[in-house]
Amino acid sequence: MSAPPVLELDEVEFGYVSGPAWARRRVPALHGVSLAAGRGETVGLVGESGSGKSTIGKLCLGLLRPQGGVVRFDGRPLDRRAQRGAFSVVLQHPQWSLNPRLTVGTSVAEPLAVAGRGTRAERRARVEALLDDVGLDPAFADRLPSELSGGQRQRASIARALITEPRFVLLDEAVSALDVSVQAQILNLLRRLQEEHGFAALFISHDLAATRYAADRIVVMRHGRIVDEGSADAFYAPSDHEYTRALQRASEI
């Protein structure tokens, strides 16, 4: 019997409530969305602003609850508290993950400290080993984020995301704020780390070119619905779907 996906959305529905108190209305954001990511697999999620990508990301992290369907983690309904440390996120701007007033080492170790894992010395050793793994000198643990370049800060953010050895990592526009040359370095780093650690990943981006490079499979969203999907290799040729072709042109591919 095959193992269940690490992360699965099964016919998920979600909507936001808007309007004044006397005239509340529900605005649908997702319509029966189903997708899954297995161990060692990266699923790319692309679409324009308002397509539902961010809502899916929040559902995957347990920050929102589906109003229909179910989000499963290792085959069970996702429980953010019970499964703490089993999933993490790398955000677009590393300063959102790294406290500017704390050293890099303290920020990277914070998820372990919150979970009460290890002694201070053990956490320090884990931080230094992981900084080395993401291509940073372990001495960077004693620096402030402002002393690092943008690419170095994102590497530190990736180390923070992996410190608890998660089974699922959400990569939310993780390279879009970086220079093109640095983007390639970070994408290659993520691919290597996934091979080493085996985590499942959801790569959310508006950039189809970066997504095509990072992902094994790609899901295209529009107006809260999946309109196209397939292997990443399939997206190297013009798509049969008009909206996907528009995204390809926008990404100059």
C-alpha atoms as a PDB file:
ATOM      1  CA  MET A   1       0.000   0.000   0.000  1.00  0.00           C
ATOM      2  CA  SER A   2       1.471   3.344  -1.037  1.00  0.00           C
ATOM      3  CA  ALA A   3       1.981   6.105   1.513  1.00  0.00           C
ATOM      4  CA  PRO A   4      -0.492   9.012   1.450  1.00  0.00           C
ATOM      5  CA  PRO A   5       0.670  12.401   0.166  1.00  0.00           C
ATOM      6  CA  VAL A   6       2.451  14.523   2.739  1.00  0.00           C
ATOM      7  CA  LEU A   7       0.071  17.416   2.015  1.00  0.00           C
ATOM      8  CA  GLU A   8      -3.290  17.101   0.268  1.00  0.00           C
ATOM      9  CA  LEU A   9      -6.173  19.445  -0.496  1.00  0.00           C
ATOM     10  CA  ASP A  10      -9.336  17.485  -1.294  1.00  0.00           C
ATOM     11  CA  GLU A  11     -12.168  19.466  -2.943  1.00  0.00           C
ATOM     12  CA  VAL A  12     -11.404  22.485  -0.756  1.00  0.00           C
ATOM     13  CA  GLU A  13     -13.790  25.436  -0.698  1.00  0.00           C
ATOM     14  CA  PHE A  14     -13.128  28.782   0.963  1.00  0.00           C
ATOM     15  CA  GLY A  15     -14.586  32.276   0.938  1.00  0.00           C
ATOM     16  CA  TYR A  16     -13.992  35.570   2.693  1.00  0.00           C
ATOM     17  CA  VAL A  17     -16.670  37.667   4.370  1.00  0.00           C
ATOM     18  CA  SER A  18     -16.810  41.302   3.283  1.00  0.00           C
ATOM     19  CA  GLY A  19     -19.058  44.338   3.466  1.00  0.00           C
ATOM     20  CA  PRO A  20     -20.496  46.343   6.368  1.00  0.00           C
ATOM     21  CA  ALA A  21     -21.979  44.576   9.404  1.00  0.00           C
ATOM     22  CA  TRP A  22     -25.551  45.063   8.168  1.00  0.00           C
ATOM     23  CA  ALA A  23     -24.814  43.662   4.708  1.00  0.00           C
ATOM     24  CA  ARG A  24     -22.235  40.925   5.101  1.00  0.00           C
ATOM     25  CA  ARG A  25     -21.614  38.711   2.113  1.00  0.00           C
ATOM     26  CA  ARG A  26     -19.342  35.785   1.365  1.00  0.00           C
ATOM     27  CA  VAL A  27     -16.920  36.223  -1.506  1.00  0.00           C
ATOM     28  CA  PRO A  28     -15.754  32.822  -2.806  1.00  0.00           C
ATOM     29  CA  ALA A  29     -11.973  32.450  -3.067  1.00  0.00           C
ATOM     30  CA  LEU A  30     -11.563  28.729  -3.814  1.00  0.00           C
ATOM     31  CA  HIS A  31     -13.881  26.402  -5.676  1.00  0.00           C
ATOM     32  CA  GLY A  32     -13.329  22.671  -5.136  1.00  0.00           C
ATOM     33  CA  VAL A  33      -9.527  22.777  -5.288  1.00  0.00           C
ATOM     34  CA  SER A  34      -7.708  19.429  -5.135  1.00  0.00           C
ATOM     35  CA  LEU A  35      -3.925  19.022  -5.193  1.00  0.00           C
ATOM     36  CA  ALA A  36      -1.314  16.951  -3.414  1.00  0.00           C
ATOM     37  CA  ALA A  37       2.446  16.903  -2.795  1.00  0.00           C
ATOM     38  CA  GLY A  38       4.321  13.729  -1.929  1.00  0.00           C
ATOM     39  CA  ARG A  39       7.627  13.181  -0.180  1.00  0.00           C
ATOM     40  CA  GLY A  40      10.503  14.743  -2.123  1.00  0.00           C
ATOM     41  CA  GLU A  41       8.122  16.392  -4.588  1.00  0.00           C
ATOM     42  CA  THR A  42       7.674  20.072  -5.405  1.00  0.00           C
ATOM     43  CA  VAL A  43       4.333  21.199  -6.768  1.00  0.00           C
ATOM     44  CA  GLY A  44       4.330  24.619  -8.414  1.00  0.00           C
ATOM     45  CA  LEU A  45       1.291  26.861  -7.995  1.00  0.00           C
ATOM     46  CA  VAL A  46       1.045  29.771 -10.430  1.00  0.00           C
ATOM     47  CA  GLY A  47      -1.541  32.388 -11.288  1.00  0.00           C
ATOM     48  CA  GLU A  48      -2.152  36.103 -11.281  1.00  0.00           C
ATOM     49  CA  SER A  49      -2.920  38.167  -8.173  1.00  0.00           C
ATOM     50  CA  GLY A  50      -6.312  37.177  -6.779  1.00  0.00           C
ATOM     51  CA  SER A  51      -6.236  33.676  -8.239  1.00  0.00           C
ATOM     52  CA  GLY A  52      -6.320  32.011  -4.813  1.00  0.00           C
ATOM     53  CA  LYS A  53      -2.631  31.126  -4.388  1.00  0.00           C
ATOM     54  CA  SER A  54      -2.189  32.924  -1.047  1.00  0.00           C
ATOM     55  CA  THR A  55      -5.384  31.421   0.337  1.00  0.00           C
ATOM     56  CA  ILE A  56      -4.126  27.941  -0.516  1.00  0.00           C
ATOM     57  CA  GLY A  57      -0.831  28.739   1.208  1.00  0.00           C
ATOM     58  CA  LYS A  58      -2.610  29.764   4.407  1.00  0.00           C
ATOM     59  CA  LEU A  59      -4.745  26.625   4.327  1.00  0.00           C
ATOM     60  CA  CYS A  60      -1.616  24.484   3.920  1.00  0.00           C
ATOM     61  CA  LEU A  61      -0.102  26.066   7.042  1.00  0.00           C
ATOM     62  CA  GLY A  62      -3.286  25.734   9.076  1.00  0.00           C
ATOM     63  CA  LEU A  63      -3.738  29.510   9.285  1.00  0.00           C
ATOM     64  CA  LEU A  64      -7.184  29.112   7.679  1.00  0.00           C
ATOM     65  CA  ARG A  65      -9.657  26.259   7.873  1.00  0.00           C
ATOM     66  CA  PRO A  66     -11.475  25.018   4.791  1.00  0.00           C
ATOM     67  CA  GLN A  67     -15.183  25.770   4.611  1.00  0.00           C
ATOM     68  CA  GLY A  68     -15.678  22.715   2.435  1.00  0.00           C
ATOM     69  CA  GLY A  69     -13.525  19.704   1.668  1.00  0.00           C
ATOM     70  CA  VAL A  70     -10.500  18.827   3.769  1.00  0.00           C
ATOM     71  CA  VAL A  71      -6.773  19.561   4.075  1.00  0.00           C
ATOM     72  CA  ARG A  72      -4.806  16.453   5.045  1.00  0.00           C
ATOM     73  CA  PHE A  73      -1.293  16.064   6.380  1.00  0.00           C
ATOM     74  CA  ASP A  74       0.136  12.535   6.179  1.00  0.00           C
ATOM     75  CA  GLY A  75      -3.367  11.260   5.488  1.00  0.00           C
ATOM     76  CA  ARG A  76      -4.997  12.914   8.520  1.00  0.00           C
ATOM     77  CA  PRO A  77      -6.866  16.237   8.796  1.00  0.00           C
ATOM     78  CA  LEU A  78      -4.294  18.969   9.312  1.00  0.00           C
ATOM     79  CA  ASP A  79      -3.928  20.002  12.960  1.00  0.00           C
ATOM     80  CA  ARG A  80      -1.569  22.953  13.332  1.00  0.00           C
ATOM     81  CA  ARG A  81      -0.914  22.385  17.048  1.00  0.00           C
ATOM     82  CA  ALA A  82      -0.548  18.614  16.986  1.00  0.00           C
ATOM     83  CA  GLN A  83       1.730  18.724  13.950  1.00  0.00           C
ATOM     84  CA  ARG A  84       3.866  21.691  15.057  1.00  0.00           C
ATOM     85  CA  GLY A  85       7.287  21.655  13.464  1.00  0.00           C
ATOM     86  CA  ALA A  86       6.179  19.281  10.716  1.00  0.00           C
ATOM     87  CA  PHE A  87       5.635  22.115   8.236  1.00  0.00           C
ATOM     88  CA  SER A  88       7.272  25.481   7.662  1.00  0.00           C
ATOM     89  CA  VAL A  89       7.467  28.388   5.236  1.00  0.00           C
ATOM     90  CA  VAL A  90      10.024  30.432   3.296  1.00  0.00           C
ATOM     91  CA  LEU A  91       8.614  33.867   2.520  1.00  0.00           C
ATOM     92  CA  GLN A  92       9.295  36.390  -0.240  1.00  0.00           C
ATOM     93  CA  HIS A  93      11.141  38.817   2.039  1.00  0.00           C
ATOM     94  CA  PRO A  94      13.596  37.215   4.497  1.00  0.00           C
ATOM     95  CA  GLN A  95      13.192  40.139   6.897  1.00  0.00           C
ATOM     96  CA  TRP A  96       9.726  38.746   7.630  1.00  0.00           C
ATOM     97  CA  SER A  97      11.420  35.633   9.067  1.00  0.00           C
ATOM     98  CA  LEU A  98      14.540  37.172  10.597  1.00  0.00           C
ATOM     99  CA  ASN A  99      14.089  39.593  13.478  1.00  0.00           C
ATOM    100  CA  PRO A 100      16.376  42.561  12.719  1.00  0.00           C
ATOM    101  CA  ARG A 101      17.185  42.958  16.431  1.00  0.00           C
ATOM    102  CA  LEU A 102      18.286  39.344  16.902  1.00  0.00           C
ATOM    103  CA  THR A 103      21.350  37.572  15.585  1.00  0.00           C
ATOM    104  CA  VAL A 104      20.889  35.223  12.672  1.00  0.00           C
ATOM    105  CA  GLY A 105      21.645  32.259  14.910  1.00  0.00           C
ATOM    106  CA  THR A 106      18.972  33.231  17.424  1.00  0.00           C
ATOM    107  CA  SER A 107      16.352  33.647  14.680  1.00  0.00           C
ATOM    108  CA  VAL A 108      17.247  30.367  13.004  1.00  0.00           C
ATOM    109  CA  ALA A 109      17.124  28.503  16.341  1.00  0.00           C
ATOM    110  CA  GLU A 110      13.847  30.092  17.451  1.00  0.00           C
ATOM    111  CA  PRO A 111      11.519  27.312  16.159  1.00  0.00           C
ATOM    112  CA  LEU A 112      13.548  24.765  18.153  1.00  0.00           C
ATOM    113  CA  ALA A 113      13.439  26.946  21.258  1.00  0.00           C
ATOM    114  CA  VAL A 114       9.662  27.414  20.952  1.00  0.00           C
ATOM    115  CA  ALA A 115       9.214  23.650  20.632  1.00  0.00           C
ATOM    116  CA  GLY A 116      11.515  23.084  23.610  1.00  0.00           C
ATOM    117  CA  ARG A 117      13.865  20.896  21.624  1.00  0.00           C
ATOM    118  CA  GLY A 118      17.454  20.414  22.813  1.00  0.00           C
ATOM    119  CA  THR A 119      19.728  22.385  25.084  1.00  0.00           C
ATOM    120  CA  ARG A 120      21.087  25.771  24.079  1.00  0.00           C
ATOM    121  CA  ALA A 121      24.384  24.134  23.079  1.00  0.00           C
ATOM    122  CA  GLU A 122      22.588  21.500  21.012  1.00  0.00           C
ATOM    123  CA  ARG A 123      20.512  24.149  19.259  1.00  0.00           C
ATOM    124  CA  ARG A 124      23.648  26.178  18.534  1.00  0.00           C
ATOM    125  CA  ALA A 125      25.336  23.132  16.994  1.00  0.00           C
ATOM    126  CA  ARG A 126      22.257  22.431  14.887  1.00  0.00           C
ATOM    127  CA  VAL A 127      22.156  26.053  13.679  1.00  0.00           C
ATOM    128  CA  GLU A 128      25.828  26.059  12.685  1.00  0.00           C
ATOM    129  CA  ALA A 129      25.481  22.752  10.827  1.00  0.00           C
ATOM    130  CA  LEU A 130      22.415  23.981   8.944  1.00  0.00           C
ATOM    131  CA  LEU A 131      23.988  27.333   8.056  1.00  0.00           C
ATOM    132  CA  ASP A 132      26.874  25.396   6.542  1.00  0.00           C
ATOM    133  CA  ASP A 133      24.367  23.211   4.679  1.00  0.00           C
ATOM    134  CA  VAL A 134      22.716  26.254   3.049  1.00  0.00           C
ATOM    135  CA  GLY A 135      26.085  27.683   2.006  1.00  0.00           C
ATOM    136  CA  LEU A 136      26.765  30.162   4.800  1.00  0.00           C
ATOM    137  CA  ASP A 137      29.769  30.349   7.095  1.00  0.00           C
ATOM    138  CA  PRO A 138      28.622  29.125  10.541  1.00  0.00           C
ATOM    139  CA  ALA A 139      30.155  32.349  11.947  1.00  0.00           C
ATOM    140  CA  PHE A 140      27.191  34.177  10.360  1.00  0.00           C
ATOM    141  CA  ALA A 141      25.192  32.946  13.356  1.00  0.00           C
ATOM    142  CA  ASP A 142      26.617  35.851  15.351  1.00  0.00           C
ATOM    143  CA  ARG A 143      25.740  38.512  12.753  1.00  0.00           C
ATOM    144  CA  LEU A 144      22.639  40.636  12.471  1.00  0.00           C
ATOM    145  CA  PRO A 145      20.460  40.240   9.357  1.00  0.00           C
ATOM    146  CA  SER A 146      21.438  43.750   8.227  1.00  0.00           C
ATOM    147  CA  GLU A 147      25.027  42.543   7.855  1.00  0.00           C
ATOM    148  CA  LEU A 148      24.015  39.983   5.221  1.00  0.00           C
ATOM    149  CA  SER A 149      23.195  40.412   1.546  1.00  0.00           C
ATOM    150  CA  GLY A 150      19.715  39.650   0.237  1.00  0.00           C
ATOM    151  CA  GLY A 151      20.738  36.224  -0.982  1.00  0.00           C
ATOM    152  CA  GLN A 152      22.495  35.438   2.299  1.00  0.00           C
ATOM    153  CA  ARG A 153      19.425  36.471   4.284  1.00  0.00           C
ATOM    154  CA  GLN A 154      17.247  34.171   2.184  1.00  0.00           C
ATOM    155  CA  ARG A 155      19.687  31.320   2.794  1.00  0.00           C
ATOM    156  CA  ALA A 156      19.379  31.997   6.522  1.00  0.00           C
ATOM    157  CA  SER A 157      15.577  32.007   6.181  1.00  0.00           C
ATOM    158  CA  ILE A 158      15.766  28.619   4.481  1.00  0.00           C
ATOM    159  CA  ALA A 159      17.905  27.329   7.354  1.00  0.00           C
ATOM    160  CA  ARG A 160      15.265  28.573   9.803  1.00  0.00           C
ATOM    161  CA  ALA A 161      12.544  26.826   7.791  1.00  0.00           C
ATOM    162  CA  LEU A 162      14.427  23.508   7.895  1.00  0.00           C
ATOM    163  CA  ILE A 163      15.626  23.647  11.507  1.00  0.00           C
ATOM    164  CA  THR A 164      12.771  21.435  12.780  1.00  0.00           C
ATOM    165  CA  GLU A 165      13.235  18.939   9.925  1.00  0.00           C
ATOM    166  CA  PRO A 166       9.751  19.579   8.485  1.00  0.00           C
ATOM    167  CA  ARG A 167       7.990  17.162   6.156  1.00  0.00           C
ATOM    168  CA  PHE A 168       6.369  19.994   4.186  1.00  0.00           C
ATOM    169  CA  VAL A 169       7.736  23.425   3.214  1.00  0.00           C
ATOM    170  CA  LEU A 170       5.689  26.228   1.677  1.00  0.00           C
ATOM    171  CA  LEU A 171       7.829  28.375  -0.632  1.00  0.00           C
ATOM    172  CA  ASP A 172       5.786  31.551  -1.024  1.00  0.00           C
ATOM    173  CA  GLU A 173       7.366  33.755  -3.724  1.00  0.00           C
ATOM    174  CA  ALA A 174      10.657  32.631  -2.190  1.00  0.00           C
ATOM    175  CA  VAL A 175      12.895  34.007  -4.963  1.00  0.00           C
ATOM    176  CA  SER A 176      10.840  36.804  -6.507  1.00  0.00           C
ATOM    177  CA  ALA A 177      12.555  39.581  -4.496  1.00  0.00           C
ATOM    178  CA  LEU A 178      16.056  38.450  -5.516  1.00  0.00           C
ATOM    179  CA  ASP A 179      18.254  39.348  -8.482  1.00  0.00           C
ATOM    180  CA  VAL A 180      18.058  36.872 -11.350  1.00  0.00           C
ATOM    181  CA  SER A 181      21.551  35.477 -10.733  1.00  0.00           C
ATOM    182  CA  VAL A 182      20.804  34.997  -7.029  1.00  0.00           C
ATOM    183  CA  GLN A 183      17.432  33.408  -7.888  1.00  0.00           C
ATOM    184  CA  ALA A 184      19.215  30.633  -9.763  1.00  0.00           C
ATOM    185  CA  GLN A 185      21.537  29.999  -6.802  1.00  0.00           C
ATOM    186  CA  ILE A 186      18.627  29.760  -4.351  1.00  0.00           C
ATOM    187  CA  LEU A 187      16.573  27.516  -6.657  1.00  0.00           C
ATOM    188  CA  ASN A 188      19.542  25.162  -7.042  1.00  0.00           C
ATOM    189  CA  LEU A 189      20.019  25.208  -3.273  1.00  0.00           C
ATOM    190  CA  LEU A 190      16.370  24.298  -2.682  1.00  0.00           C
ATOM    191  CA  ARG A 191      16.571  21.412  -5.123  1.00  0.00           C
ATOM    192  CA  ARG A 192      19.660  20.030  -3.387  1.00  0.00           C
ATOM    193  CA  LEU A 193      18.182  20.423   0.085  1.00  0.00           C
ATOM    194  CA  GLN A 194      15.010  18.653  -0.970  1.00  0.00           C
ATOM    195  CA  GLU A 195      17.046  15.737  -2.298  1.00  0.00           C
ATOM    196  CA  GLU A 196      18.909  15.564   1.028  1.00  0.00           C
ATOM    197  CA  HIS A 197      15.969  16.038   3.389  1.00  0.00           C
ATOM    198  CA  GLY A 198      13.074  14.618   1.348  1.00  0.00           C
ATOM    199  CA  PHE A 199      10.480  17.224   2.297  1.00  0.00           C
ATOM    200  CA  ALA A 200       7.420  17.901   0.134  1.00  0.00           C
ATOM    201  CA  ALA A 201       7.055  21.472  -1.101  1.00  0.00           C
ATOM    202  CA  LEU A 202       4.522  23.840  -2.604  1.00  0.00           C
ATOM    203  CA  PHE A 203       6.213  26.548  -4.693  1.00  0.00           C
ATOM    204  CA  ILE A 204       3.857  29.534  -5.028  1.00  0.00           C
ATOM    205  CA  SER A 205       4.800  32.139  -7.620  1.00  0.00           C
ATOM    206  CA  HIS A 206       3.533  34.415 -10.359  1.00  0.00           C
ATOM    207  CA  ASP A 207       6.693  33.609 -12.344  1.00  0.00           C
ATOM    208  CA  LEU A 208       6.095  30.560 -14.508  1.00  0.00           C
ATOM    209  CA  ALA A 209       9.735  30.403 -15.632  1.00  0.00           C
ATOM    210  CA  ALA A 210      11.052  30.056 -12.057  1.00  0.00           C
ATOM    211  CA  THR A 211       8.248  27.664 -11.167  1.00  0.00           C
ATOM    212  CA  ARG A 212       8.975  25.484 -14.186  1.00  0.00           C
ATOM    213  CA  TYR A 213      12.591  25.162 -13.024  1.00  0.00           C
ATOM    214  CA  ALA A 214      11.775  24.515  -9.367  1.00  0.00           C
ATOM    215  CA  ALA A 215       8.779  22.182  -9.611  1.00  0.00           C
ATOM    216  CA  ASP A 216       8.091  18.605 -10.620  1.00  0.00           C
ATOM    217  CA  ARG A 217       4.456  19.359 -11.400  1.00  0.00           C
ATOM    218  CA  ILE A 218       2.647  22.658 -11.991  1.00  0.00           C
ATOM    219  CA  VAL A 219      -0.914  23.700 -11.145  1.00  0.00           C
ATOM    220  CA  VAL A 220      -2.332  26.850 -12.745  1.00  0.00           C
ATOM    221  CA  MET A 221      -4.945  28.828 -10.791  1.00  0.00           C
ATOM    222  CA  ARG A 222      -7.455  31.392 -12.012  1.00  0.00           C
ATOM    223  CA  HIS A 223     -10.359  32.895 -10.076  1.00  0.00           C
ATOM    224  CA  GLY A 224     -10.074  30.255  -7.354  1.00  0.00           C
ATOM    225  CA  ARG A 225     -10.119  27.285  -9.703  1.00  0.00           C
ATOM    226  CA  ILE A 226      -7.489  24.984 -11.174  1.00  0.00           C
ATOM    227  CA  VAL A 227      -7.569  25.604 -14.916  1.00  0.00           C
ATOM    228  CA  ASP A 228      -4.486  23.699 -16.025  1.00  0.00           C
ATOM    229  CA  GLU A 229      -1.960  21.251 -14.594  1.00  0.00           C
ATOM    230  CA  GLY A 230       0.743  18.857 -15.687  1.00  0.00           C
ATOM    231  CA  SER A 231       4.402  17.943 -15.397  1.00  0.00           C
ATOM    232  CA  ALA A 232       6.884  20.822 -15.338  1.00  0.00           C
ATOM    233  CA  ASP A 233       8.391  19.514 -18.577  1.00  0.00           C
ATOM    234  CA  ALA A 234       5.044  19.989 -20.337  1.00  0.00           C
ATOM    235  CA  PHE A 235       5.234  23.736 -19.687  1.00  0.00           C
ATOM    236  CA  TYR A 236       8.325  24.100 -21.873  1.00  0.00           C
ATOM    237  CA  ALA A 237       6.002  23.931 -24.882  1.00  0.00           C
ATOM    238  CA  PRO A 238       3.109  26.335 -25.595  1.00  0.00           C
ATOM    239  CA  SER A 239       0.104  25.235 -23.569  1.00  0.00           C
ATOM    240  CA  ASP A 240      -3.232  24.277 -25.067  1.00  0.00           C
ATOM    241  CA  HIS A 241      -4.899  26.451 -22.428  1.00  0.00           C
ATOM    242  CA  GLU A 242      -5.280  30.110 -23.355  1.00  0.00           C
ATOM    243  CA  TYR A 243      -4.692  31.440 -19.824  1.00  0.00           C
ATOM    244  CA  THR A 244      -1.550  29.350 -19.378  1.00  0.00           C
ATOM    245  CA  ARG A 245      -0.230  30.650 -22.705  1.00  0.00           C
ATOM    246  CA  ALA A 246      -0.771  34.180 -21.390  1.00  0.00           C
ATOM    247  CA  LEU A 247       1.300  33.340 -18.302  1.00  0.00           C
ATOM    248  CA  GLN A 248       3.992  31.869 -20.525  1.00  0.00           C
ATOM    249  CA  ARG A 249       4.133  35.060 -22.573  1.00  0.00           C
ATOM    250  CA  ALA A 250       4.244  37.182 -19.413  1.00  0.00           C
ATOM    251  CA  SER A 251       7.209  35.125 -18.183  1.00  0.00           C
ATOM    252  CA  GLU A 252       8.837  35.401 -21.621  1.00  0.00           C
ATOM    253  CA  ILE A 253       8.917  31.640 -22.197  1.00  0.00           C
END
